Amino acid sequence: MAGFQQSQEQATRNGIMALEQAFTGVQNCRQDVENMKFNLSSGLKGSDGKAFQDLLKLWDDQAEVISRNVRDMVDTLNETLRTQGLTQGSNNESITTAYSQSQSVFDTLSG
């Protein structure tokens, strides 16, 4: 039975690691898009520029939902490890910090 629990624990930890990598990837993409938006904003005027800005805003809003859901899944898996009496599955603080920093950057850049 111990081997089975150890296997479940490792699978949970692997899931946490994969989700943390996905979260980081989404945040990196969001930052890349925000940088592109900032760099192109001066050259994009008129209705096409507005449409482009609207599209980027929509994409970022959707990426925010994905980020929040991934963070919630990490929290759930960490809670699973805690309820099984295991140690902390990941450094959840690093995700929360990265999320807050990312949100702050987006808020600053979007005015």
N, C-alpha and C. Protein backbone atom coordinates (compact mmCIF):
# COMPACT_ATOMS: atom_id res chain seq x y z
N MET A 1 0.82 -1.20 0.00
CA MET A 1 0.00 0.00 0.00
C MET A 1 0.86 1.26 0.00
N ALA A 2 2.02 1.20 0.67
CA ALA A 2 2.89 2.37 0.72
C ALA A 2 3.39 2.74 -0.66
N GLY A 3 3.70 1.72 -1.50
CA GLY A 3 4.14 1.98 -2.86
C GLY A 3 3.08 2.67 -3.68
N PHE A 4 1.82 2.27 -3.48
CA PHE A 4 0.72 2.89 -4.21
C PHE A 4 0.58 4.36 -3.82
N GLN A 5 0.64 4.65 -2.50
CA GLN A 5 0.53 6.03 -2.05
C GLN A 5 1.71 6.85 -2.56
N GLN A 6 2.89 6.26 -2.55
CA GLN A 6 4.07 6.97 -3.04
C GLN A 6 3.92 7.27 -4.53
N SER A 7 3.35 6.33 -5.26
CA SER A 7 3.10 6.54 -6.69
C SER A 7 2.09 7.66 -6.90
N GLN A 8 1.04 7.68 -6.10
CA GLN A 8 0.04 8.76 -6.20
C GLN A 8 0.66 10.10 -5.85
N GLU A 9 1.50 10.10 -4.83
CA GLU A 9 2.15 11.35 -4.42
C GLU A 9 3.02 11.87 -5.57
N GLN A 10 3.79 10.98 -6.19
CA GLN A 10 4.67 11.42 -7.28
C GLN A 10 3.85 11.92 -8.46
N ALA A 11 2.74 11.26 -8.75
CA ALA A 11 1.88 11.71 -9.85
C ALA A 11 1.31 13.09 -9.55
N THR A 12 0.93 13.32 -8.30
CA THR A 12 0.40 14.63 -7.90
C THR A 12 1.49 15.69 -8.02
N ARG A 13 2.68 15.38 -7.57
CA ARG A 13 3.79 16.33 -7.67
C ARG A 13 4.14 16.61 -9.14
N ASN A 14 4.09 15.58 -9.97
CA ASN A 14 4.33 15.79 -11.40
C ASN A 14 3.27 16.70 -12.00
N GLY A 15 2.03 16.52 -11.58
CA GLY A 15 0.95 17.39 -12.05
C GLY A 15 1.16 18.83 -11.63
N ILE A 16 1.59 19.01 -10.40
CA ILE A 16 1.86 20.36 -9.90
C ILE A 16 2.98 21.01 -10.72
N MET A 17 4.04 20.25 -10.97
CA MET A 17 5.16 20.78 -11.72
C MET A 17 4.72 21.16 -13.15
N ALA A 18 3.93 20.31 -13.78
CA ALA A 18 3.45 20.61 -15.13
C ALA A 18 2.57 21.85 -15.14
N LEU A 19 1.72 21.99 -14.15
CA LEU A 19 0.86 23.17 -14.07
C LEU A 19 1.66 24.43 -13.81
N GLU A 20 2.68 24.33 -12.97
CA GLU A 20 3.53 25.49 -12.71
C GLU A 20 4.25 25.93 -13.99
N GLN A 21 4.70 24.96 -14.77
CA GLN A 21 5.35 25.29 -16.04
C GLN A 21 4.35 25.93 -17.01
N ALA A 22 3.13 25.40 -17.03
CA ALA A 22 2.09 25.98 -17.89
C ALA A 22 1.79 27.41 -17.46
N PHE A 23 1.69 27.63 -16.16
CA PHE A 23 1.42 28.97 -15.64
C PHE A 23 2.51 29.94 -16.08
N THR A 24 3.76 29.52 -15.93
CA THR A 24 4.88 30.36 -16.33
C THR A 24 4.83 30.65 -17.82
N GLY A 25 4.51 29.63 -18.61
CA GLY A 25 4.41 29.82 -20.05
C GLY A 25 3.34 30.82 -20.43
N VAL A 26 2.18 30.74 -19.79
CA VAL A 26 1.10 31.68 -20.06
C VAL A 26 1.53 33.09 -19.68
N GLN A 27 2.18 33.23 -18.53
CA GLN A 27 2.62 34.56 -18.09
C GLN A 27 3.67 35.13 -19.06
N ASN A 28 4.57 34.29 -19.54
CA ASN A 28 5.57 34.75 -20.51
C ASN A 28 4.91 35.21 -21.80
N CYS A 29 3.91 34.47 -22.27
CA CYS A 29 3.19 34.87 -23.48
C CYS A 29 2.45 36.18 -23.26
N ARG A 30 1.84 36.32 -22.10
CA ARG A 30 1.14 37.57 -21.80
C ARG A 30 2.10 38.74 -21.82
N GLN A 31 3.28 38.54 -21.26
CA GLN A 31 4.27 39.62 -21.24
C GLN A 31 4.74 39.95 -22.66
N ASP A 32 4.95 38.92 -23.48
CA ASP A 32 5.35 39.15 -24.87
C ASP A 32 4.29 39.95 -25.63
N VAL A 33 3.04 39.60 -25.44
CA VAL A 33 1.95 40.31 -26.12
C VAL A 33 1.87 41.74 -25.61
N GLU A 34 2.03 41.92 -24.32
CA GLU A 34 1.98 43.27 -23.74
C GLU A 34 3.12 44.12 -24.30
N ASN A 35 4.31 43.53 -24.41
CA ASN A 35 5.44 44.26 -24.99
C ASN A 35 5.17 44.64 -26.44
N MET A 36 4.61 43.71 -27.21
CA MET A 36 4.28 43.99 -28.60
C MET A 36 3.25 45.11 -28.68
N LYS A 37 2.25 45.03 -27.83
CA LYS A 37 1.21 46.06 -27.81
C LYS A 37 1.82 47.42 -27.50
N PHE A 38 2.70 47.47 -26.54
CA PHE A 38 3.35 48.73 -26.16
C PHE A 38 4.20 49.27 -27.30
N ASN A 39 4.96 48.38 -27.95
CA ASN A 39 5.85 48.79 -29.03
C ASN A 39 5.09 49.24 -30.29
N LEU A 40 3.94 48.64 -30.54
CA LEU A 40 3.19 48.97 -31.75
C LEU A 40 2.15 50.07 -31.55
N SER A 41 1.89 50.42 -30.32
CA SER A 41 0.79 51.35 -30.04
C SER A 41 0.98 52.71 -30.71
N SER A 42 2.20 53.17 -30.81
CA SER A 42 2.43 54.49 -31.41
C SER A 42 2.19 54.47 -32.92
N GLY A 43 2.40 53.32 -33.56
CA GLY A 43 2.24 53.25 -35.01
C GLY A 43 0.85 52.84 -35.46
N LEU A 44 0.06 52.33 -34.56
CA LEU A 44 -1.28 51.86 -34.93
C LEU A 44 -2.32 52.90 -34.53
N LYS A 45 -2.87 53.54 -35.52
CA LYS A 45 -3.88 54.58 -35.27
C LYS A 45 -5.15 54.20 -36.02
N GLY A 46 -6.19 54.88 -35.73
CA GLY A 46 -7.45 54.68 -36.45
C GLY A 46 -8.16 53.41 -36.04
N SER A 47 -9.12 53.01 -36.88
CA SER A 47 -9.99 51.89 -36.54
C SER A 47 -9.22 50.57 -36.52
N ASP A 48 -8.21 50.42 -37.40
CA ASP A 48 -7.45 49.17 -37.39
C ASP A 48 -6.61 49.06 -36.12
N GLY A 49 -6.05 50.17 -35.66
CA GLY A 49 -5.30 50.17 -34.41
C GLY A 49 -6.19 49.86 -33.23
N LYS A 50 -7.39 50.42 -33.21
CA LYS A 50 -8.33 50.14 -32.12
C LYS A 50 -8.74 48.68 -32.14
N ALA A 51 -9.01 48.16 -33.33
CA ALA A 51 -9.40 46.75 -33.44
C ALA A 51 -8.27 45.84 -32.92
N PHE A 52 -7.03 46.20 -33.26
CA PHE A 52 -5.90 45.42 -32.79
C PHE A 52 -5.78 45.50 -31.27
N GLN A 53 -5.93 46.68 -30.70
CA GLN A 53 -5.88 46.85 -29.25
C GLN A 53 -7.00 46.05 -28.58
N ASP A 54 -8.19 46.09 -29.17
CA ASP A 54 -9.33 45.34 -28.62
C ASP A 54 -9.06 43.84 -28.64
N LEU A 55 -8.46 43.38 -29.74
CA LEU A 55 -8.13 41.96 -29.85
C LEU A 55 -7.12 41.55 -28.79
N LEU A 56 -6.09 42.36 -28.58
CA LEU A 56 -5.10 42.05 -27.56
C LEU A 56 -5.71 42.07 -26.16
N LYS A 57 -6.61 42.99 -25.91
CA LYS A 57 -7.30 43.06 -24.61
C LYS A 57 -8.13 41.81 -24.39
N LEU A 58 -8.85 41.40 -25.42
CA LEU A 58 -9.67 40.18 -25.31
C LEU A 58 -8.78 38.97 -25.03
N TRP A 59 -7.67 38.87 -25.77
CA TRP A 59 -6.76 37.76 -25.56
C TRP A 59 -6.22 37.77 -24.14
N ASP A 60 -5.82 38.93 -23.64
CA ASP A 60 -5.28 39.01 -22.28
C ASP A 60 -6.34 38.65 -21.24
N ASP A 61 -7.57 39.08 -21.46
CA ASP A 61 -8.65 38.71 -20.54
C ASP A 61 -8.83 37.19 -20.49
N GLN A 62 -8.75 36.56 -21.67
CA GLN A 62 -8.89 35.10 -21.71
C GLN A 62 -7.69 34.42 -21.07
N ALA A 63 -6.50 34.95 -21.30
CA ALA A 63 -5.30 34.40 -20.68
C ALA A 63 -5.36 34.54 -19.17
N GLU A 64 -5.97 35.61 -18.69
CA GLU A 64 -6.15 35.80 -17.24
C GLU A 64 -7.02 34.68 -16.66
N VAL A 65 -8.08 34.32 -17.35
CA VAL A 65 -8.95 33.23 -16.89
C VAL A 65 -8.15 31.93 -16.83
N ILE A 66 -7.36 31.67 -17.86
CA ILE A 66 -6.53 30.47 -17.88
C ILE A 66 -5.55 30.48 -16.71
N SER A 67 -4.88 31.60 -16.50
CA SER A 67 -3.92 31.71 -15.39
C SER A 67 -4.59 31.45 -14.04
N ARG A 68 -5.74 32.03 -13.85
CA ARG A 68 -6.46 31.84 -12.58
C ARG A 68 -6.85 30.37 -12.40
N ASN A 69 -7.32 29.73 -13.48
CA ASN A 69 -7.71 28.32 -13.38
C ASN A 69 -6.51 27.42 -13.11
N VAL A 70 -5.39 27.70 -13.74
CA VAL A 70 -4.18 26.91 -13.49
C VAL A 70 -3.74 27.09 -12.05
N ARG A 71 -3.75 28.33 -11.58
CA ARG A 71 -3.37 28.59 -10.18
C ARG A 71 -4.30 27.84 -9.22
N ASP A 72 -5.60 27.83 -9.52
CA ASP A 72 -6.56 27.10 -8.69
C ASP A 72 -6.29 25.60 -8.69
N MET A 73 -5.90 25.06 -9.86
CA MET A 73 -5.58 23.63 -9.93
C MET A 73 -4.35 23.31 -9.10
N VAL A 74 -3.33 24.18 -9.14
CA VAL A 74 -2.14 23.98 -8.32
C VAL A 74 -2.53 24.00 -6.85
N ASP A 75 -3.36 24.95 -6.46
CA ASP A 75 -3.82 25.02 -5.07
C ASP A 75 -4.54 23.74 -4.67
N THR A 76 -5.38 23.23 -5.55
CA THR A 76 -6.13 22.00 -5.26
C THR A 76 -5.19 20.81 -5.10
N LEU A 77 -4.21 20.69 -5.98
CA LEU A 77 -3.26 19.57 -5.86
C LEU A 77 -2.41 19.71 -4.61
N ASN A 78 -2.01 20.92 -4.27
CA ASN A 78 -1.25 21.12 -3.03
C ASN A 78 -2.11 20.75 -1.83
N GLU A 79 -3.37 21.10 -1.86
CA GLU A 79 -4.28 20.74 -0.77
C GLU A 79 -4.43 19.22 -0.68
N THR A 80 -4.47 18.56 -1.82
CA THR A 80 -4.53 17.09 -1.83
C THR A 80 -3.32 16.50 -1.11
N LEU A 81 -2.14 17.04 -1.39
CA LEU A 81 -0.95 16.55 -0.69
C LEU A 81 -1.03 16.83 0.80
N ARG A 82 -1.50 18.02 1.16
CA ARG A 82 -1.59 18.37 2.59
C ARG A 82 -2.58 17.45 3.31
N THR A 83 -3.72 17.18 2.68
CA THR A 83 -4.72 16.34 3.35
C THR A 83 -4.26 14.90 3.48
N GLN A 84 -3.33 14.51 2.63
CA GLN A 84 -2.76 13.16 2.74
C GLN A 84 -1.59 13.14 3.73
N GLY A 85 -1.34 14.27 4.38
CA GLY A 85 -0.29 14.33 5.38
C GLY A 85 1.10 14.44 4.78
N LEU A 86 1.18 14.85 3.54
CA LEU A 86 2.47 14.97 2.88
C LEU A 86 2.95 16.40 2.98
N THR A 87 4.20 16.60 2.65
CA THR A 87 4.76 17.95 2.71
C THR A 87 4.23 18.79 1.56
N GLN A 88 4.51 20.05 1.63
CA GLN A 88 4.09 20.99 0.59
C GLN A 88 4.55 20.50 -0.76
N GLY A 89 3.64 20.48 -1.72
CA GLY A 89 3.94 19.94 -3.04
C GLY A 89 4.73 20.87 -3.92
N SER A 90 4.62 22.11 -3.70
CA SER A 90 5.37 23.06 -4.54
C SER A 90 5.47 24.38 -3.79
N ASN A 91 6.24 25.22 -4.34
CA ASN A 91 6.37 26.54 -3.75
C ASN A 91 5.27 27.42 -4.29
N ASN A 92 4.11 27.30 -3.72
CA ASN A 92 2.93 28.03 -4.19
C ASN A 92 3.14 29.53 -4.08
N GLU A 93 3.97 29.94 -3.13
CA GLU A 93 4.25 31.36 -2.99
C GLU A 93 4.87 31.94 -4.26
N SER A 94 5.72 31.16 -4.93
CA SER A 94 6.37 31.68 -6.13
C SER A 94 5.34 31.93 -7.23
N ILE A 95 4.32 31.10 -7.32
CA ILE A 95 3.27 31.32 -8.32
C ILE A 95 2.48 32.57 -7.96
N THR A 96 2.11 32.69 -6.70
CA THR A 96 1.34 33.85 -6.28
C THR A 96 2.13 35.13 -6.51
N THR A 97 3.42 35.10 -6.20
CA THR A 97 4.26 36.28 -6.42
C THR A 97 4.37 36.60 -7.90
N ALA A 98 4.62 35.59 -8.72
CA ALA A 98 4.74 35.81 -10.17
C ALA A 98 3.43 36.36 -10.72
N TYR A 99 2.33 35.84 -10.25
CA TYR A 99 1.02 36.30 -10.71
C TYR A 99 0.82 37.77 -10.34
N SER A 100 1.13 38.12 -9.11
CA SER A 100 0.95 39.50 -8.67
C SER A 100 1.86 40.45 -9.44
N GLN A 101 3.11 40.04 -9.65
CA GLN A 101 4.03 40.88 -10.41
C GLN A 101 3.54 41.05 -11.84
N SER A 102 3.09 39.98 -12.43
CA SER A 102 2.59 40.03 -13.81
C SER A 102 1.40 40.97 -13.91
N GLN A 103 0.48 40.83 -12.97
CA GLN A 103 -0.72 41.68 -12.99
C GLN A 103 -0.33 43.14 -12.82
N SER A 104 0.64 43.41 -11.95
CA SER A 104 1.10 44.77 -11.73
C SER A 104 1.69 45.36 -12.99
N VAL A 105 2.48 44.57 -13.72
CA VAL A 105 3.09 45.04 -14.97
C VAL A 105 1.99 45.36 -15.98
N PHE A 106 1.02 44.48 -16.12
CA PHE A 106 -0.07 44.72 -17.07
C PHE A 106 -0.87 45.93 -16.69
N ASP A 107 -1.14 46.10 -15.40
CA ASP A 107 -1.90 47.26 -14.96
C ASP A 107 -1.14 48.55 -15.28
N THR A 108 0.15 48.54 -15.03
CA THR A 108 0.97 49.72 -15.29
C THR A 108 1.01 50.05 -16.77
N LEU A 109 1.26 49.03 -17.58
CA LEU A 109 1.36 49.28 -19.03
C LEU A 109 0.04 49.67 -19.68
N SER A 110 -1.05 49.15 -19.14
CA SER A 110 -2.33 49.47 -19.76
C SER A 110 -2.92 50.78 -19.24
N GLY A 111 -2.25 51.39 -18.29
CA GLY A 111 -2.65 52.71 -17.83
C GLY A 111 -3.73 52.62 -16.86
